[in-house]
Amino acid sequence: MTHIISVLVENQFGVLAHVSNMFSARGYNIDSLSVGETADPAVSRMTVAVSGDDSVLEQIVRQLNKLVEVIEVIDLTQEDYVERELAMIKIAANVKQRSDVIEISNIFRAKVVDMGADAMIIEVTGTQAKVRAFIDMMRPFGIQELVRTGRIAASRSPKHEA
């Protein structure tokens, strides 16, 4: 099972290295990692996707909490959360193929962000499954370059009963 872990850390030099070293030292593979500053510039949020059973997750959470720079660790998999990923795909597309690429992009609510004489760059945002499906649809056109952000996630606000 893939777990999505949100880790609040002090926004300082070397924290990313400490966290990634903790994973590699214990033989845990990071499926996806995304890091960015929060509303508080002194704090960054790491969103880590890692595969493993509940005992593996428990060990990871315990080890993360031992790191001095870690403020809070949350297993979002146990909560109701929203998840997104961003990808930019450079497609080989001549004038004849552009309308097909644009039509498929519209179905996925993807955007053309750059167009050249023989290639275009498409931006798609959504769940990992949506991004993967869009990439699969673009493969026949010829993917020249593919860049993905990794998964990011945020817990949903609790719903209030009326």
N, C-alpha and C. Protein backbone atom coordinates (compact mmCIF):
# COMPACT_ATOMS: atom_id res chain seq x y z
N MET A 1 0.84 -1.18 0.00
CA MET A 1 0.00 0.00 0.00
C MET A 1 0.89 1.25 0.00
N THR A 2 0.46 2.26 -0.73
CA THR A 2 1.19 3.53 -0.73
C THR A 2 0.62 4.44 0.34
N HIS A 3 1.50 4.99 1.14
CA HIS A 3 1.12 5.93 2.19
C HIS A 3 1.58 7.32 1.77
N ILE A 4 0.74 8.30 2.03
CA ILE A 4 1.09 9.70 1.81
C ILE A 4 1.36 10.31 3.17
N ILE A 5 2.59 10.78 3.37
CA ILE A 5 3.00 11.33 4.66
C ILE A 5 3.30 12.81 4.48
N SER A 6 2.71 13.62 5.33
CA SER A 6 2.99 15.05 5.36
C SER A 6 3.94 15.31 6.52
N VAL A 7 5.07 15.95 6.22
CA VAL A 7 6.08 16.20 7.24
C VAL A 7 6.37 17.70 7.29
N LEU A 8 6.04 18.32 8.41
CA LEU A 8 6.40 19.73 8.61
C LEU A 8 7.80 19.76 9.19
N VAL A 9 8.67 20.55 8.56
CA VAL A 9 10.07 20.63 8.99
C VAL A 9 10.52 22.08 9.06
N GLU A 10 11.59 22.30 9.80
CA GLU A 10 12.19 23.63 9.84
C GLU A 10 12.76 23.92 8.45
N ASN A 11 12.51 25.11 7.96
CA ASN A 11 12.96 25.49 6.63
C ASN A 11 14.41 25.99 6.72
N GLN A 12 15.34 25.04 6.68
CA GLN A 12 16.74 25.39 6.78
C GLN A 12 17.60 24.44 5.95
N PHE A 13 18.82 24.84 5.72
CA PHE A 13 19.77 24.10 4.92
C PHE A 13 19.98 22.69 5.48
N GLY A 14 19.95 21.69 4.60
CA GLY A 14 20.30 20.32 4.98
C GLY A 14 19.16 19.45 5.46
N VAL A 15 17.96 20.02 5.69
CA VAL A 15 16.86 19.22 6.23
C VAL A 15 16.42 18.15 5.22
N LEU A 16 16.31 18.52 3.96
CA LEU A 16 15.92 17.55 2.93
C LEU A 16 16.90 16.38 2.90
N ALA A 17 18.18 16.68 3.00
CA ALA A 17 19.21 15.63 3.01
C ALA A 17 19.05 14.72 4.22
N HIS A 18 18.79 15.29 5.40
CA HIS A 18 18.61 14.47 6.61
C HIS A 18 17.42 13.52 6.45
N VAL A 19 16.32 14.04 5.94
CA VAL A 19 15.12 13.21 5.79
C VAL A 19 15.34 12.12 4.74
N SER A 20 15.88 12.49 3.58
CA SER A 20 16.09 11.47 2.54
C SER A 20 17.14 10.44 2.97
N ASN A 21 18.15 10.87 3.72
CA ASN A 21 19.14 9.91 4.24
C ASN A 21 18.51 8.93 5.22
N MET A 22 17.56 9.41 6.03
CA MET A 22 16.88 8.52 6.96
C MET A 22 16.18 7.39 6.19
N PHE A 23 15.52 7.74 5.08
CA PHE A 23 14.83 6.73 4.28
C PHE A 23 15.83 5.75 3.67
N SER A 24 16.88 6.26 3.05
CA SER A 24 17.83 5.37 2.37
C SER A 24 18.61 4.51 3.35
N ALA A 25 18.95 5.06 4.52
CA ALA A 25 19.71 4.29 5.51
C ALA A 25 18.93 3.08 6.01
N ARG A 26 17.61 3.17 5.99
CA ARG A 26 16.78 2.07 6.47
C ARG A 26 16.19 1.24 5.34
N GLY A 27 16.59 1.54 4.10
CA GLY A 27 16.16 0.74 2.96
C GLY A 27 14.74 1.01 2.49
N TYR A 28 14.20 2.18 2.82
CA TYR A 28 12.85 2.54 2.37
C TYR A 28 12.97 3.35 1.09
N ASN A 29 12.19 2.98 0.10
CA ASN A 29 12.20 3.70 -1.16
C ASN A 29 11.15 4.80 -1.14
N ILE A 30 11.52 5.98 -1.56
CA ILE A 30 10.57 7.09 -1.67
C ILE A 30 9.98 7.03 -3.07
N ASP A 31 8.66 6.84 -3.17
CA ASP A 31 7.99 6.81 -4.47
C ASP A 31 7.85 8.21 -5.06
N SER A 32 7.61 9.18 -4.20
CA SER A 32 7.43 10.57 -4.63
C SER A 32 7.79 11.48 -3.47
N LEU A 33 8.40 12.62 -3.78
CA LEU A 33 8.79 13.58 -2.76
C LEU A 33 8.60 14.98 -3.32
N SER A 34 7.89 15.79 -2.58
CA SER A 34 7.68 17.18 -2.96
C SER A 34 7.87 18.04 -1.73
N VAL A 35 8.59 19.17 -1.88
CA VAL A 35 8.89 20.03 -0.74
C VAL A 35 8.62 21.47 -1.13
N GLY A 36 8.01 22.20 -0.21
CA GLY A 36 7.79 23.63 -0.45
C GLY A 36 7.54 24.36 0.85
N GLU A 37 7.80 25.65 0.80
CA GLU A 37 7.58 26.52 1.95
C GLU A 37 6.09 26.60 2.25
N THR A 38 5.74 26.72 3.52
CA THR A 38 4.34 26.87 3.94
C THR A 38 4.02 28.36 4.07
N ALA A 39 2.86 28.67 4.63
CA ALA A 39 2.49 30.07 4.88
C ALA A 39 3.48 30.73 5.83
N ASP A 40 4.10 29.93 6.68
CA ASP A 40 5.15 30.40 7.58
C ASP A 40 6.50 30.14 6.90
N PRO A 41 7.24 31.18 6.52
CA PRO A 41 8.50 30.98 5.80
C PRO A 41 9.56 30.19 6.59
N ALA A 42 9.37 30.03 7.88
CA ALA A 42 10.32 29.26 8.68
C ALA A 42 10.03 27.76 8.64
N VAL A 43 8.91 27.39 7.99
CA VAL A 43 8.48 25.99 7.97
C VAL A 43 8.25 25.54 6.52
N SER A 44 8.71 24.34 6.21
CA SER A 44 8.44 23.72 4.91
C SER A 44 7.61 22.47 5.13
N ARG A 45 6.84 22.11 4.09
CA ARG A 45 6.06 20.87 4.13
C ARG A 45 6.63 19.92 3.10
N MET A 46 6.94 18.72 3.56
CA MET A 46 7.38 17.65 2.66
C MET A 46 6.21 16.70 2.51
N THR A 47 5.87 16.38 1.28
CA THR A 47 4.86 15.36 1.02
C THR A 47 5.61 14.17 0.46
N VAL A 48 5.55 13.05 1.18
CA VAL A 48 6.31 11.87 0.83
C VAL A 48 5.34 10.72 0.56
N ALA A 49 5.47 10.11 -0.60
CA ALA A 49 4.72 8.90 -0.91
C ALA A 49 5.68 7.73 -0.76
N VAL A 50 5.29 6.76 0.06
CA VAL A 50 6.16 5.61 0.33
C VAL A 50 5.30 4.35 0.37
N SER A 51 5.82 3.27 -0.18
CA SER A 51 5.09 2.00 -0.19
C SER A 51 5.51 1.14 0.99
N GLY A 52 4.54 0.42 1.53
CA GLY A 52 4.83 -0.48 2.64
C GLY A 52 3.58 -0.75 3.45
N ASP A 53 3.67 -1.74 4.30
CA ASP A 53 2.52 -2.06 5.15
C ASP A 53 2.51 -1.14 6.36
N ASP A 54 1.56 -1.36 7.25
CA ASP A 54 1.40 -0.48 8.42
C ASP A 54 2.62 -0.50 9.33
N SER A 55 3.29 -1.64 9.44
CA SER A 55 4.47 -1.70 10.31
C SER A 55 5.63 -0.87 9.73
N VAL A 56 5.77 -0.88 8.42
CA VAL A 56 6.79 -0.06 7.76
C VAL A 56 6.47 1.41 7.99
N LEU A 57 5.21 1.78 7.82
CA LEU A 57 4.81 3.17 8.02
C LEU A 57 5.06 3.59 9.47
N GLU A 58 4.72 2.74 10.41
CA GLU A 58 4.93 3.06 11.83
C GLU A 58 6.41 3.32 12.11
N GLN A 59 7.28 2.51 11.53
CA GLN A 59 8.72 2.68 11.70
C GLN A 59 9.19 3.99 11.08
N ILE A 60 8.69 4.31 9.89
CA ILE A 60 9.07 5.56 9.22
C ILE A 60 8.66 6.76 10.06
N VAL A 61 7.42 6.76 10.54
CA VAL A 61 6.93 7.88 11.36
C VAL A 61 7.77 8.03 12.62
N ARG A 62 8.10 6.91 13.26
CA ARG A 62 8.92 6.95 14.47
C ARG A 62 10.30 7.54 14.18
N GLN A 63 10.91 7.10 13.08
CA GLN A 63 12.25 7.59 12.73
C GLN A 63 12.21 9.07 12.34
N LEU A 64 11.17 9.49 11.61
CA LEU A 64 11.05 10.91 11.24
C LEU A 64 10.91 11.78 12.48
N ASN A 65 10.11 11.33 13.42
CA ASN A 65 9.90 12.10 14.65
C ASN A 65 11.17 12.24 15.49
N LYS A 66 12.16 11.39 15.28
CA LYS A 66 13.43 11.49 16.00
C LYS A 66 14.32 12.59 15.44
N LEU A 67 14.08 13.01 14.19
CA LEU A 67 14.92 14.04 13.59
C LEU A 67 14.61 15.39 14.23
N VAL A 68 15.64 16.11 14.61
CA VAL A 68 15.50 17.38 15.33
C VAL A 68 14.70 18.40 14.52
N GLU A 69 14.90 18.46 13.21
CA GLU A 69 14.27 19.47 12.39
C GLU A 69 12.80 19.20 12.08
N VAL A 70 12.33 18.01 12.41
CA VAL A 70 10.94 17.63 12.12
C VAL A 70 10.02 18.20 13.20
N ILE A 71 8.99 18.91 12.75
CA ILE A 71 8.02 19.53 13.65
C ILE A 71 6.81 18.63 13.86
N GLU A 72 6.31 18.04 12.76
CA GLU A 72 5.11 17.20 12.84
C GLU A 72 5.09 16.22 11.67
N VAL A 73 4.62 15.01 11.93
CA VAL A 73 4.46 13.98 10.90
C VAL A 73 3.01 13.52 10.91
N ILE A 74 2.37 13.55 9.74
CA ILE A 74 0.97 13.15 9.63
C ILE A 74 0.84 12.14 8.50
N ASP A 75 0.23 10.99 8.79
CA ASP A 75 -0.09 10.00 7.76
C ASP A 75 -1.43 10.40 7.16
N LEU A 76 -1.39 11.06 6.01
CA LEU A 76 -2.63 11.52 5.38
C LEU A 76 -3.49 10.37 4.88
N THR A 77 -2.88 9.22 4.69
CA THR A 77 -3.62 8.05 4.21
C THR A 77 -4.73 7.66 5.17
N GLN A 78 -4.57 8.00 6.45
CA GLN A 78 -5.57 7.68 7.46
C GLN A 78 -6.66 8.75 7.55
N GLU A 79 -6.55 9.81 6.75
CA GLU A 79 -7.50 10.91 6.78
C GLU A 79 -8.16 11.07 5.42
N ASP A 80 -9.14 11.94 5.36
CA ASP A 80 -9.73 12.34 4.09
C ASP A 80 -8.86 13.46 3.54
N TYR A 81 -8.28 13.27 2.36
CA TYR A 81 -7.35 14.26 1.83
C TYR A 81 -7.54 14.46 0.33
N VAL A 82 -7.00 15.58 -0.16
CA VAL A 82 -7.00 15.90 -1.57
C VAL A 82 -5.56 15.78 -2.07
N GLU A 83 -5.40 15.15 -3.21
CA GLU A 83 -4.07 14.89 -3.75
C GLU A 83 -3.99 15.38 -5.19
N ARG A 84 -2.85 15.96 -5.56
CA ARG A 84 -2.64 16.42 -6.93
C ARG A 84 -1.19 16.18 -7.33
N GLU A 85 -0.99 16.12 -8.64
CA GLU A 85 0.34 16.04 -9.24
C GLU A 85 0.32 16.91 -10.48
N LEU A 86 1.44 17.49 -10.83
CA LEU A 86 1.57 18.31 -12.03
C LEU A 86 2.59 17.65 -12.94
N ALA A 87 2.29 17.65 -14.23
CA ALA A 87 3.25 17.15 -15.21
C ALA A 87 3.27 18.10 -16.40
N MET A 88 4.45 18.27 -16.96
CA MET A 88 4.59 18.98 -18.24
C MET A 88 5.18 17.98 -19.22
N ILE A 89 4.52 17.86 -20.38
CA ILE A 89 4.91 16.88 -21.37
C ILE A 89 5.19 17.61 -22.67
N LYS A 90 6.41 17.44 -23.18
CA LYS A 90 6.75 18.00 -24.48
C LYS A 90 6.45 16.94 -25.52
N ILE A 91 5.53 17.27 -26.43
CA ILE A 91 5.04 16.33 -27.42
C ILE A 91 5.57 16.73 -28.80
N ALA A 92 6.03 15.75 -29.56
CA ALA A 92 6.36 16.00 -30.96
C ALA A 92 5.04 16.10 -31.71
N ALA A 93 4.70 17.29 -32.17
CA ALA A 93 3.42 17.47 -32.84
C ALA A 93 3.57 18.46 -33.99
N ASN A 94 3.40 17.95 -35.20
CA ASN A 94 3.44 18.85 -36.34
C ASN A 94 2.07 19.53 -36.49
N VAL A 95 1.93 20.36 -37.50
CA VAL A 95 0.70 21.13 -37.69
C VAL A 95 -0.51 20.21 -37.80
N LYS A 96 -0.37 19.07 -38.45
CA LYS A 96 -1.50 18.15 -38.64
C LYS A 96 -1.93 17.48 -37.34
N GLN A 97 -0.99 17.25 -36.43
CA GLN A 97 -1.29 16.54 -35.18
C GLN A 97 -1.77 17.46 -34.06
N ARG A 98 -1.53 18.74 -34.18
CA ARG A 98 -1.84 19.67 -33.09
C ARG A 98 -3.30 19.62 -32.66
N SER A 99 -4.21 19.58 -33.61
CA SER A 99 -5.63 19.59 -33.24
C SER A 99 -5.99 18.35 -32.43
N ASP A 100 -5.39 17.20 -32.78
CA ASP A 100 -5.64 15.97 -32.01
C ASP A 100 -5.10 16.10 -30.59
N VAL A 101 -3.90 16.64 -30.46
CA VAL A 101 -3.29 16.82 -29.13
C VAL A 101 -4.13 17.79 -28.31
N ILE A 102 -4.56 18.87 -28.91
CA ILE A 102 -5.36 19.87 -28.21
C ILE A 102 -6.71 19.29 -27.80
N GLU A 103 -7.32 18.49 -28.66
CA GLU A 103 -8.61 17.87 -28.34
C GLU A 103 -8.49 16.92 -27.14
N ILE A 104 -7.46 16.10 -27.13
CA ILE A 104 -7.24 15.19 -25.99
C ILE A 104 -6.93 16.01 -24.73
N SER A 105 -6.12 17.05 -24.88
CA SER A 105 -5.78 17.91 -23.74
C SER A 105 -7.03 18.53 -23.14
N ASN A 106 -7.95 18.98 -23.97
CA ASN A 106 -9.19 19.57 -23.48
C ASN A 106 -10.02 18.58 -22.67
N ILE A 107 -10.05 17.34 -23.10
CA ILE A 107 -10.79 16.31 -22.37
C ILE A 107 -10.22 16.14 -20.96
N PHE A 108 -8.89 16.24 -20.83
CA PHE A 108 -8.22 16.09 -19.54
C PHE A 108 -8.08 17.41 -18.79
N ARG A 109 -8.63 18.48 -19.35
CA ARG A 109 -8.48 19.83 -18.80
C ARG A 109 -7.02 20.22 -18.64
N ALA A 110 -6.22 19.78 -19.58
CA ALA A 110 -4.80 20.13 -19.63
C ALA A 110 -4.65 21.40 -20.46
N LYS A 111 -3.53 22.08 -20.30
CA LYS A 111 -3.30 23.34 -21.00
C LYS A 111 -2.06 23.27 -21.87
N VAL A 112 -2.16 23.88 -23.04
CA VAL A 112 -0.98 24.06 -23.87
C VAL A 112 -0.24 25.27 -23.30
N VAL A 113 1.00 25.09 -22.87
CA VAL A 113 1.75 26.20 -22.28
C VAL A 113 2.87 26.69 -23.19
N ASP A 114 3.17 25.95 -24.26
CA ASP A 114 4.16 26.40 -25.23
C ASP A 114 3.94 25.64 -26.53
N MET A 115 4.17 26.36 -27.64
CA MET A 115 4.03 25.72 -28.94
C MET A 115 5.14 26.20 -29.85
N GLY A 116 5.81 25.25 -30.47
CA GLY A 116 6.86 25.55 -31.43
C GLY A 116 6.48 24.97 -32.77
N ALA A 117 7.41 25.01 -33.72
CA ALA A 117 7.14 24.53 -35.08
C ALA A 117 6.83 23.04 -35.13
N ASP A 118 7.51 22.26 -34.30
CA ASP A 118 7.31 20.81 -34.37
C ASP A 118 7.10 20.15 -33.01
N ALA A 119 6.81 20.96 -31.99
CA ALA A 119 6.58 20.40 -30.65
C ALA A 119 5.70 21.35 -29.85
N MET A 120 5.05 20.79 -28.84
CA MET A 120 4.25 21.59 -27.93
C MET A 120 4.44 21.05 -26.52
N ILE A 121 4.28 21.94 -25.54
CA ILE A 121 4.36 21.52 -24.14
C ILE A 121 2.97 21.65 -23.53
N ILE A 122 2.53 20.55 -22.92
CA ILE A 122 1.21 20.48 -22.31
C ILE A 122 1.39 20.34 -20.80
N GLU A 123 0.58 21.06 -20.03
CA GLU A 123 0.57 20.98 -18.57
C GLU A 123 -0.71 20.29 -18.13
N VAL A 124 -0.57 19.27 -17.32
CA VAL A 124 -1.74 18.57 -16.79
C VAL A 124 -1.61 18.46 -15.28
N THR A 125 -2.72 18.68 -14.59
CA THR A 125 -2.76 18.60 -13.14
C THR A 125 -3.90 17.69 -12.73
N GLY A 126 -3.67 16.87 -11.73
CA GLY A 126 -4.74 16.00 -11.23
C GLY A 126 -4.18 14.90 -10.36
N THR A 127 -5.00 13.90 -10.16
CA THR A 127 -4.55 12.75 -9.39
C THR A 127 -3.46 12.02 -10.17
N GLN A 128 -2.74 11.18 -9.47
CA GLN A 128 -1.68 10.42 -10.12
C GLN A 128 -2.26 9.58 -11.28
N ALA A 129 -3.43 9.02 -11.08
CA ALA A 129 -4.06 8.20 -12.12
C ALA A 129 -4.41 9.04 -13.35
N LYS A 130 -4.93 10.24 -13.15
CA LYS A 130 -5.27 11.12 -14.26
C LYS A 130 -4.01 11.51 -15.04
N VAL A 131 -2.95 11.89 -14.33
CA VAL A 131 -1.70 12.27 -14.99
C VAL A 131 -1.15 11.09 -15.78
N ARG A 132 -1.17 9.91 -15.19
CA ARG A 132 -0.68 8.71 -15.87
C ARG A 132 -1.51 8.42 -17.13
N ALA A 133 -2.83 8.56 -17.04
CA ALA A 133 -3.70 8.31 -18.20
C ALA A 133 -3.42 9.31 -19.31
N PHE A 134 -3.21 10.58 -18.94
CA PHE A 134 -2.92 11.59 -19.95
C PHE A 134 -1.59 11.29 -20.65
N ILE A 135 -0.58 10.92 -19.87
CA ILE A 135 0.72 10.58 -20.45
C ILE A 135 0.57 9.42 -21.42
N ASP A 136 -0.21 8.40 -21.04
CA ASP A 136 -0.44 7.26 -21.93
C ASP A 136 -1.10 7.68 -23.23
N MET A 137 -2.01 8.65 -23.16
CA MET A 137 -2.68 9.14 -24.37
C MET A 137 -1.73 9.93 -25.27
N MET A 138 -0.70 10.52 -24.68
CA MET A 138 0.25 11.33 -25.46
C MET A 138 1.38 10.50 -26.08
N ARG A 139 1.60 9.30 -25.56
CA ARG A 139 2.71 8.47 -26.04
C ARG A 139 2.71 8.26 -27.56
N PRO A 140 1.57 7.98 -28.19
CA PRO A 140 1.60 7.77 -29.64
C PRO A 140 2.10 8.98 -30.45
N PHE A 141 2.00 10.17 -29.90
CA PHE A 141 2.47 11.37 -30.60
C PHE A 141 3.99 11.51 -30.51
N GLY A 142 4.58 10.88 -29.51
CA GLY A 142 6.02 10.96 -29.31
C GLY A 142 6.38 11.94 -28.21
N ILE A 143 6.61 11.42 -27.02
CA ILE A 143 7.00 12.27 -25.89
C ILE A 143 8.49 12.56 -26.00
N GLN A 144 8.82 13.84 -26.10
CA GLN A 144 10.22 14.26 -26.19
C GLN A 144 10.82 14.53 -24.81
N GLU A 145 9.96 14.98 -23.91
CA GLU A 145 10.42 15.29 -22.56
C GLU A 145 9.23 15.19 -21.61
N LEU A 146 9.49 14.70 -20.40
CA LEU A 146 8.44 14.55 -19.40
C LEU A 146 8.98 14.98 -18.05
N VAL A 147 8.27 15.91 -17.39
CA VAL A 147 8.67 16.40 -16.08
C VAL A 147 7.46 16.31 -15.17
N ARG A 148 7.64 15.69 -13.99
CA ARG A 148 6.54 15.55 -13.02
C ARG A 148 6.97 16.09 -11.67
N THR A 149 6.00 16.67 -10.95
CA THR A 149 6.29 17.26 -9.64
C THR A 149 6.36 16.24 -8.52
N GLY A 150 5.68 15.15 -8.65
CA GLY A 150 5.46 14.28 -7.51
C GLY A 150 4.14 14.67 -6.87
N ARG A 151 3.66 13.82 -6.01
CA ARG A 151 2.35 14.03 -5.40
C ARG A 151 2.43 15.05 -4.27
N ILE A 152 1.41 15.89 -4.19
CA ILE A 152 1.23 16.77 -3.04
C ILE A 152 -0.16 16.49 -2.50
N ALA A 153 -0.35 16.72 -1.22
CA ALA A 153 -1.63 16.40 -0.60
C ALA A 153 -1.89 17.31 0.58
N ALA A 154 -3.18 17.52 0.85
CA ALA A 154 -3.60 18.30 2.02
C ALA A 154 -4.85 17.64 2.58
N SER A 155 -4.93 17.60 3.91
CA SER A 155 -6.12 17.00 4.53
C SER A 155 -7.31 17.92 4.32
N ARG A 156 -8.46 17.30 4.12
CA ARG A 156 -9.69 18.06 3.95
C ARG A 156 -10.15 18.60 5.29
N SER A 157 -10.89 19.67 5.23
CA SER A 157 -11.50 20.22 6.45
C SER A 157 -12.63 19.30 6.85
N PRO A 158 -12.84 19.13 8.15
CA PRO A 158 -13.97 18.30 8.58
C PRO A 158 -15.29 18.93 8.14
N LYS A 159 -16.21 18.07 7.75
CA LYS A 159 -17.53 18.56 7.34
C LYS A 159 -18.40 18.73 8.57
N HIS A 160 -19.09 19.85 8.63
CA HIS A 160 -19.97 20.12 9.76
C HIS A 160 -21.36 19.60 9.48
N GLU A 161 -21.92 18.94 10.44
CA GLU A 161 -23.27 18.41 10.31
C GLU A 161 -24.26 19.53 10.57
N ALA A 162 -25.34 19.56 9.82
CA ALA A 162 -26.36 20.61 9.99
C ALA A 162 -27.33 20.27 11.09
